[in-house]
Amino acid sequence: MTAHDGTDHEREALRHLVAARREALDAAEEHLRVLDELAASAAPTAPTAPTVTVADTLSVLRDSIRTSGLSIRSLSERLDMDYTGLTQRLKGKREGYYLRTDTLLGILAAINVAPSSFFAEVERSSAARVDRDVSAR
């Protein structure tokens, strides 16, 4: 026996009180978790790496082709590709014309540009574009 032998009614009331306090504590913990998430999302974040776009890649590729001195027509012949299809792929503006990886690597080989050099230039170009965009704001 305990020092206080309450009635069944008192015990039930205490159980409800304990359950209500647990629910309140759980709700408070959830509220704190949400506040922590909001604070974390509002905190300044480290700058992210520039996003390389298809336009960045195609722009560098067109510049590399121009620099090589090879015309698009002669490049299409070397790659055994349709001139119009290659032109559309290099413009990147028509739906359905995509520059596949093997085509890109073939172009780079045809103009004597190492893929690592090409992609490094794409990264530099993309970073410069992001800097210009940020400065314009």
N, C-alpha and C. Protein backbone atom coordinates (compact mmCIF):
# COMPACT_ATOMS: atom_id res chain seq x y z
N MET A 1 0.82 -1.19 0.00
CA MET A 1 0.00 0.00 0.00
C MET A 1 0.87 1.25 0.00
N THR A 2 0.36 2.28 -0.61
CA THR A 2 1.08 3.55 -0.65
C THR A 2 0.51 4.49 0.40
N ALA A 3 1.21 5.59 0.57
CA ALA A 3 0.76 6.57 1.56
C ALA A 3 -0.58 7.16 1.15
N HIS A 4 -0.83 7.19 -0.15
CA HIS A 4 -2.09 7.79 -0.59
C HIS A 4 -2.81 6.77 -1.46
N ASP A 5 -3.84 6.18 -0.97
CA ASP A 5 -4.66 5.24 -1.74
C ASP A 5 -5.85 5.99 -2.30
N GLY A 6 -5.64 6.72 -3.40
CA GLY A 6 -6.73 7.49 -3.98
C GLY A 6 -7.78 6.59 -4.57
N THR A 7 -8.88 7.17 -4.82
CA THR A 7 -9.96 6.41 -5.44
C THR A 7 -9.63 6.14 -6.89
N ASP A 8 -10.38 5.27 -7.50
CA ASP A 8 -10.19 4.97 -8.92
C ASP A 8 -10.36 6.23 -9.76
N HIS A 9 -11.27 7.06 -9.33
CA HIS A 9 -11.52 8.32 -10.06
C HIS A 9 -10.28 9.21 -10.02
N GLU A 10 -9.63 9.32 -8.88
CA GLU A 10 -8.43 10.14 -8.75
C GLU A 10 -7.28 9.57 -9.59
N ARG A 11 -7.14 8.25 -9.57
CA ARG A 11 -6.09 7.61 -10.37
C ARG A 11 -6.31 7.86 -11.86
N GLU A 12 -7.53 7.74 -12.29
CA GLU A 12 -7.84 7.97 -13.70
C GLU A 12 -7.55 9.42 -14.08
N ALA A 13 -7.88 10.34 -13.20
CA ALA A 13 -7.61 11.76 -13.45
C ALA A 13 -6.10 12.00 -13.56
N LEU A 14 -5.32 11.35 -12.69
CA LEU A 14 -3.86 11.50 -12.75
C LEU A 14 -3.30 10.91 -14.04
N ARG A 15 -3.82 9.78 -14.48
CA ARG A 15 -3.38 9.19 -15.75
C ARG A 15 -3.64 10.14 -16.92
N HIS A 16 -4.82 10.75 -16.91
CA HIS A 16 -5.15 11.70 -17.97
C HIS A 16 -4.23 12.92 -17.92
N LEU A 17 -3.93 13.36 -16.71
CA LEU A 17 -3.03 14.51 -16.55
C LEU A 17 -1.63 14.18 -17.07
N VAL A 18 -1.12 13.00 -16.74
CA VAL A 18 0.20 12.58 -17.21
C VAL A 18 0.19 12.46 -18.74
N ALA A 19 -0.86 11.87 -19.29
CA ALA A 19 -0.96 11.72 -20.75
C ALA A 19 -1.02 13.08 -21.43
N ALA A 20 -1.77 14.02 -20.85
CA ALA A 20 -1.87 15.36 -21.42
C ALA A 20 -0.52 16.07 -21.38
N ARG A 21 0.22 15.88 -20.29
CA ARG A 21 1.54 16.50 -20.19
C ARG A 21 2.50 15.90 -21.21
N ARG A 22 2.43 14.59 -21.41
CA ARG A 22 3.28 13.95 -22.42
C ARG A 22 2.96 14.49 -23.81
N GLU A 23 1.67 14.63 -24.12
CA GLU A 23 1.27 15.18 -25.42
C GLU A 23 1.78 16.61 -25.58
N ALA A 24 1.66 17.39 -24.51
CA ALA A 24 2.14 18.78 -24.56
C ALA A 24 3.65 18.81 -24.76
N LEU A 25 4.37 17.91 -24.09
CA LEU A 25 5.82 17.84 -24.24
C LEU A 25 6.19 17.43 -25.67
N ASP A 26 5.50 16.44 -26.21
CA ASP A 26 5.75 16.01 -27.60
C ASP A 26 5.48 17.16 -28.57
N ALA A 27 4.38 17.89 -28.35
CA ALA A 27 4.05 19.02 -29.23
C ALA A 27 5.12 20.10 -29.12
N ALA A 28 5.60 20.36 -27.91
CA ALA A 28 6.65 21.37 -27.72
C ALA A 28 7.94 20.96 -28.42
N GLU A 29 8.29 19.66 -28.31
CA GLU A 29 9.49 19.17 -28.99
C GLU A 29 9.36 19.29 -30.50
N GLU A 30 8.19 18.99 -31.04
CA GLU A 30 7.96 19.13 -32.48
C GLU A 30 8.07 20.60 -32.89
N HIS A 31 7.51 21.48 -32.07
CA HIS A 31 7.58 22.92 -32.35
C HIS A 31 9.04 23.39 -32.36
N LEU A 32 9.83 22.93 -31.41
CA LEU A 32 11.25 23.28 -31.38
C LEU A 32 11.99 22.74 -32.61
N ARG A 33 11.65 21.53 -33.04
CA ARG A 33 12.27 20.95 -34.23
C ARG A 33 11.98 21.82 -35.46
N VAL A 34 10.73 22.26 -35.59
CA VAL A 34 10.35 23.12 -36.72
C VAL A 34 11.09 24.45 -36.64
N LEU A 35 11.19 25.02 -35.45
CA LEU A 35 11.93 26.28 -35.30
C LEU A 35 13.40 26.11 -35.66
N ASP A 36 14.00 24.98 -35.25
CA ASP A 36 15.39 24.70 -35.61
C ASP A 36 15.56 24.61 -37.12
N GLU A 37 14.62 23.95 -37.79
CA GLU A 37 14.68 23.84 -39.25
C GLU A 37 14.56 25.20 -39.91
N LEU A 38 13.65 26.02 -39.40
CA LEU A 38 13.49 27.37 -39.96
C LEU A 38 14.76 28.20 -39.76
N ALA A 39 15.34 28.09 -38.57
CA ALA A 39 16.57 28.84 -38.30
C ALA A 39 17.70 28.37 -39.21
N ALA A 40 17.78 27.07 -39.43
CA ALA A 40 18.84 26.53 -40.29
C ALA A 40 18.65 26.98 -41.73
N SER A 41 17.40 27.04 -42.18
CA SER A 41 17.16 27.45 -43.57
C SER A 41 17.39 28.94 -43.76
N ALA A 42 17.25 29.72 -42.71
CA ALA A 42 17.46 31.16 -42.82
C ALA A 42 18.91 31.55 -42.63
N ALA A 43 19.71 30.62 -42.11
CA ALA A 43 21.12 30.91 -41.87
C ALA A 43 21.86 31.06 -43.19
N PRO A 44 22.84 31.96 -43.23
CA PRO A 44 23.61 32.09 -44.47
C PRO A 44 24.32 30.78 -44.78
N THR A 45 24.34 30.47 -46.05
CA THR A 45 24.98 29.22 -46.47
C THR A 45 26.25 29.54 -47.23
N ALA A 46 27.10 28.57 -47.30
CA ALA A 46 28.34 28.72 -48.07
C ALA A 46 27.98 28.82 -49.55
N PRO A 47 28.75 29.58 -50.29
CA PRO A 47 28.46 29.69 -51.72
C PRO A 47 28.53 28.32 -52.38
N THR A 48 27.63 28.12 -53.31
CA THR A 48 27.61 26.84 -54.01
C THR A 48 28.43 26.93 -55.28
N ALA A 49 28.82 25.80 -55.77
CA ALA A 49 29.57 25.77 -57.03
C ALA A 49 28.66 26.25 -58.15
N PRO A 50 29.23 26.92 -59.13
CA PRO A 50 28.40 27.41 -60.22
C PRO A 50 27.73 26.25 -60.94
N THR A 51 26.55 26.52 -61.42
CA THR A 51 25.80 25.51 -62.15
C THR A 51 26.17 25.60 -63.62
N VAL A 52 26.63 24.50 -64.15
CA VAL A 52 26.97 24.45 -65.57
C VAL A 52 25.70 24.15 -66.35
N THR A 53 25.42 24.98 -67.33
CA THR A 53 24.23 24.77 -68.14
C THR A 53 24.61 24.20 -69.50
N VAL A 54 23.59 23.71 -70.20
CA VAL A 54 23.80 23.24 -71.57
C VAL A 54 24.29 24.39 -72.43
N ALA A 55 23.74 25.58 -72.19
CA ALA A 55 24.15 26.75 -72.97
C ALA A 55 25.63 27.06 -72.77
N ASP A 56 26.12 26.93 -71.53
CA ASP A 56 27.55 27.14 -71.26
C ASP A 56 28.38 26.15 -72.07
N THR A 57 27.98 24.89 -72.02
CA THR A 57 28.73 23.84 -72.71
C THR A 57 28.74 24.08 -74.21
N LEU A 58 27.58 24.39 -74.78
CA LEU A 58 27.51 24.61 -76.23
C LEU A 58 28.29 25.85 -76.64
N SER A 59 28.26 26.89 -75.83
CA SER A 59 28.99 28.11 -76.14
C SER A 59 30.49 27.84 -76.20
N VAL A 60 31.01 27.12 -75.21
CA VAL A 60 32.44 26.79 -75.20
C VAL A 60 32.76 25.87 -76.37
N LEU A 61 31.87 24.95 -76.68
CA LEU A 61 32.11 24.04 -77.80
C LEU A 61 32.17 24.81 -79.12
N ARG A 62 31.23 25.73 -79.33
CA ARG A 62 31.26 26.53 -80.56
C ARG A 62 32.54 27.36 -80.65
N ASP A 63 32.95 27.96 -79.52
CA ASP A 63 34.21 28.73 -79.51
C ASP A 63 35.41 27.83 -79.81
N SER A 64 35.41 26.63 -79.26
CA SER A 64 36.51 25.69 -79.51
C SER A 64 36.57 25.29 -80.98
N ILE A 65 35.42 25.10 -81.58
CA ILE A 65 35.37 24.74 -83.01
C ILE A 65 35.91 25.91 -83.84
N ARG A 66 35.45 27.14 -83.51
CA ARG A 66 35.94 28.32 -84.23
C ARG A 66 37.45 28.44 -84.12
N THR A 67 37.96 28.26 -82.91
CA THR A 67 39.40 28.37 -82.66
C THR A 67 40.19 27.32 -83.43
N SER A 68 39.59 26.15 -83.62
CA SER A 68 40.29 25.07 -84.33
C SER A 68 40.49 25.39 -85.81
N GLY A 69 39.69 26.32 -86.34
CA GLY A 69 39.76 26.65 -87.75
C GLY A 69 38.97 25.70 -88.64
N LEU A 70 38.33 24.72 -88.04
CA LEU A 70 37.54 23.75 -88.79
C LEU A 70 36.12 24.30 -88.98
N SER A 71 35.62 24.22 -90.19
CA SER A 71 34.25 24.68 -90.43
C SER A 71 33.27 23.61 -89.95
N ILE A 72 32.05 24.03 -89.71
CA ILE A 72 31.01 23.09 -89.29
C ILE A 72 30.77 22.05 -90.38
N ARG A 73 30.83 22.50 -91.64
CA ARG A 73 30.62 21.56 -92.75
C ARG A 73 31.71 20.49 -92.77
N SER A 74 32.97 20.90 -92.65
CA SER A 74 34.04 19.89 -92.68
C SER A 74 34.00 19.02 -91.42
N LEU A 75 33.59 19.60 -90.30
CA LEU A 75 33.44 18.82 -89.08
C LEU A 75 32.34 17.78 -89.24
N SER A 76 31.23 18.18 -89.84
CA SER A 76 30.14 17.22 -90.05
C SER A 76 30.58 16.09 -90.97
N GLU A 77 31.42 16.41 -91.96
CA GLU A 77 31.93 15.36 -92.85
C GLU A 77 32.87 14.42 -92.10
N ARG A 78 33.74 14.98 -91.28
CA ARG A 78 34.66 14.13 -90.49
C ARG A 78 33.91 13.20 -89.56
N LEU A 79 32.82 13.70 -89.01
CA LEU A 79 32.04 12.91 -88.06
C LEU A 79 30.98 12.06 -88.75
N ASP A 80 30.89 12.21 -90.08
CA ASP A 80 29.86 11.51 -90.86
C ASP A 80 28.47 11.81 -90.30
N MET A 81 28.24 13.12 -90.09
CA MET A 81 26.95 13.59 -89.57
C MET A 81 26.31 14.52 -90.57
N ASP A 82 25.00 14.59 -90.50
CA ASP A 82 24.24 15.54 -91.30
C ASP A 82 24.60 16.96 -90.85
N TYR A 83 24.93 17.83 -91.81
CA TYR A 83 25.34 19.20 -91.51
C TYR A 83 24.25 19.94 -90.72
N THR A 84 23.01 19.85 -91.19
CA THR A 84 21.91 20.56 -90.52
C THR A 84 21.70 20.03 -89.10
N GLY A 85 21.77 18.71 -88.95
CA GLY A 85 21.60 18.12 -87.62
C GLY A 85 22.68 18.57 -86.67
N LEU A 86 23.93 18.61 -87.15
CA LEU A 86 25.03 19.06 -86.30
C LEU A 86 24.85 20.54 -85.94
N THR A 87 24.46 21.34 -86.92
CA THR A 87 24.24 22.77 -86.67
C THR A 87 23.16 22.97 -85.60
N GLN A 88 22.05 22.23 -85.74
CA GLN A 88 20.97 22.35 -84.75
C GLN A 88 21.43 21.91 -83.36
N ARG A 89 22.22 20.86 -83.31
CA ARG A 89 22.72 20.39 -82.01
C ARG A 89 23.64 21.42 -81.37
N LEU A 90 24.46 22.06 -82.17
CA LEU A 90 25.38 23.07 -81.64
C LEU A 90 24.65 24.33 -81.19
N LYS A 91 23.52 24.63 -81.82
CA LYS A 91 22.72 25.78 -81.40
C LYS A 91 21.96 25.47 -80.12
N GLY A 92 21.55 24.20 -79.98
CA GLY A 92 20.83 23.78 -78.78
C GLY A 92 19.46 24.39 -78.64
N LYS A 93 18.86 24.82 -79.74
CA LYS A 93 17.60 25.54 -79.63
C LYS A 93 16.39 24.76 -80.12
N ARG A 94 16.60 23.69 -80.85
CA ARG A 94 15.45 22.95 -81.37
C ARG A 94 15.19 21.71 -80.55
N GLU A 95 13.95 21.53 -80.20
CA GLU A 95 13.54 20.34 -79.46
C GLU A 95 13.83 19.10 -80.30
N GLY A 96 14.36 18.11 -79.68
CA GLY A 96 14.64 16.86 -80.39
C GLY A 96 16.06 16.75 -80.91
N TYR A 97 16.80 17.85 -80.89
CA TYR A 97 18.21 17.81 -81.31
C TYR A 97 19.08 17.90 -80.07
N TYR A 98 19.65 16.78 -79.71
CA TYR A 98 20.48 16.73 -78.51
C TYR A 98 21.89 16.30 -78.87
N LEU A 99 22.84 16.87 -78.19
CA LEU A 99 24.24 16.53 -78.42
C LEU A 99 24.60 15.39 -77.48
N ARG A 100 24.75 14.22 -78.04
CA ARG A 100 25.07 13.04 -77.22
C ARG A 100 26.53 13.10 -76.80
N THR A 101 26.84 12.38 -75.74
CA THR A 101 28.21 12.36 -75.21
C THR A 101 29.20 11.86 -76.24
N ASP A 102 28.83 10.80 -76.97
CA ASP A 102 29.78 10.27 -77.96
C ASP A 102 30.01 11.26 -79.09
N THR A 103 28.97 12.04 -79.44
CA THR A 103 29.14 13.07 -80.46
C THR A 103 30.05 14.18 -79.95
N LEU A 104 29.83 14.60 -78.71
CA LEU A 104 30.67 15.63 -78.10
C LEU A 104 32.13 15.18 -78.08
N LEU A 105 32.38 13.95 -77.66
CA LEU A 105 33.75 13.45 -77.61
C LEU A 105 34.34 13.33 -79.02
N GLY A 106 33.52 12.97 -80.00
CA GLY A 106 33.98 12.92 -81.39
C GLY A 106 34.38 14.29 -81.90
N ILE A 107 33.58 15.30 -81.56
CA ILE A 107 33.90 16.68 -81.97
C ILE A 107 35.21 17.11 -81.32
N LEU A 108 35.36 16.84 -80.03
CA LEU A 108 36.59 17.23 -79.34
C LEU A 108 37.81 16.55 -79.95
N ALA A 109 37.67 15.28 -80.32
CA ALA A 109 38.78 14.57 -80.96
C ALA A 109 39.08 15.18 -82.32
N ALA A 110 38.03 15.54 -83.07
CA ALA A 110 38.22 16.10 -84.41
C ALA A 110 38.91 17.46 -84.37
N ILE A 111 38.68 18.22 -83.31
CA ILE A 111 39.31 19.56 -83.23
C ILE A 111 40.53 19.54 -82.31
N ASN A 112 40.97 18.35 -81.91
CA ASN A 112 42.17 18.17 -81.09
C ASN A 112 42.11 18.91 -79.76
N VAL A 113 41.01 18.76 -79.06
CA VAL A 113 40.86 19.35 -77.73
C VAL A 113 40.64 18.20 -76.74
N ALA A 114 41.46 18.18 -75.71
CA ALA A 114 41.32 17.14 -74.69
C ALA A 114 40.04 17.37 -73.89
N PRO A 115 39.28 16.31 -73.63
CA PRO A 115 38.04 16.48 -72.85
C PRO A 115 38.26 17.18 -71.51
N SER A 116 39.35 16.88 -70.82
CA SER A 116 39.60 17.52 -69.52
C SER A 116 39.79 19.03 -69.69
N SER A 117 40.49 19.44 -70.74
CA SER A 117 40.67 20.87 -71.00
C SER A 117 39.34 21.52 -71.35
N PHE A 118 38.56 20.83 -72.16
CA PHE A 118 37.26 21.35 -72.57
C PHE A 118 36.36 21.57 -71.35
N PHE A 119 36.24 20.55 -70.50
CA PHE A 119 35.34 20.67 -69.35
C PHE A 119 35.86 21.68 -68.32
N ALA A 120 37.16 21.84 -68.22
CA ALA A 120 37.72 22.88 -67.34
C ALA A 120 37.32 24.26 -67.87
N GLU A 121 37.36 24.42 -69.19
CA GLU A 121 36.95 25.69 -69.79
C GLU A 121 35.45 25.93 -69.59
N VAL A 122 34.66 24.88 -69.69
CA VAL A 122 33.22 25.01 -69.44
C VAL A 122 32.98 25.48 -68.01
N GLU A 123 33.70 24.90 -67.06
CA GLU A 123 33.59 25.32 -65.65
C GLU A 123 33.96 26.79 -65.48
N ARG A 124 35.07 27.21 -66.10
CA ARG A 124 35.50 28.62 -66.01
C ARG A 124 34.45 29.54 -66.62
N SER A 125 33.95 29.15 -67.77
CA SER A 125 32.94 29.95 -68.46
C SER A 125 31.67 30.07 -67.62
N SER A 126 31.27 28.97 -67.03
CA SER A 126 30.07 28.96 -66.20
C SER A 126 30.26 29.85 -64.97
N ALA A 127 31.42 29.75 -64.33
CA ALA A 127 31.70 30.58 -63.15
C ALA A 127 31.68 32.06 -63.53
N ALA A 128 32.23 32.40 -64.69
CA ALA A 128 32.24 33.79 -65.14
C ALA A 128 30.81 34.27 -65.39
N ARG A 129 29.97 33.41 -65.97
CA ARG A 129 28.57 33.78 -66.22
C ARG A 129 27.85 34.02 -64.90
N VAL A 130 28.08 33.15 -63.92
CA VAL A 130 27.44 33.32 -62.62
C VAL A 130 27.90 34.63 -61.98
N ASP A 131 29.19 34.94 -62.07
CA ASP A 131 29.71 36.20 -61.53
C ASP A 131 29.04 37.40 -62.19
N ARG A 132 28.89 37.33 -63.52
CA ARG A 132 28.22 38.43 -64.24
C ARG A 132 26.77 38.56 -63.79
N ASP A 133 26.09 37.42 -63.64
CA ASP A 133 24.69 37.45 -63.21
C ASP A 133 24.55 38.06 -61.82
N VAL A 134 25.46 37.71 -60.91
CA VAL A 134 25.42 38.24 -59.55
C VAL A 134 25.72 39.73 -59.56
N SER A 135 26.69 40.15 -60.36
CA SER A 135 27.05 41.57 -60.44
C SER A 135 25.91 42.40 -61.02
N ALA A 136 25.15 41.81 -61.92
CA ALA A 136 24.05 42.54 -62.56
C ALA A 136 22.89 42.79 -61.60
N ARG A 137 22.83 42.03 -60.54
CA ARG A 137 21.72 42.19 -59.57
C ARG A 137 21.98 43.32 -58.70
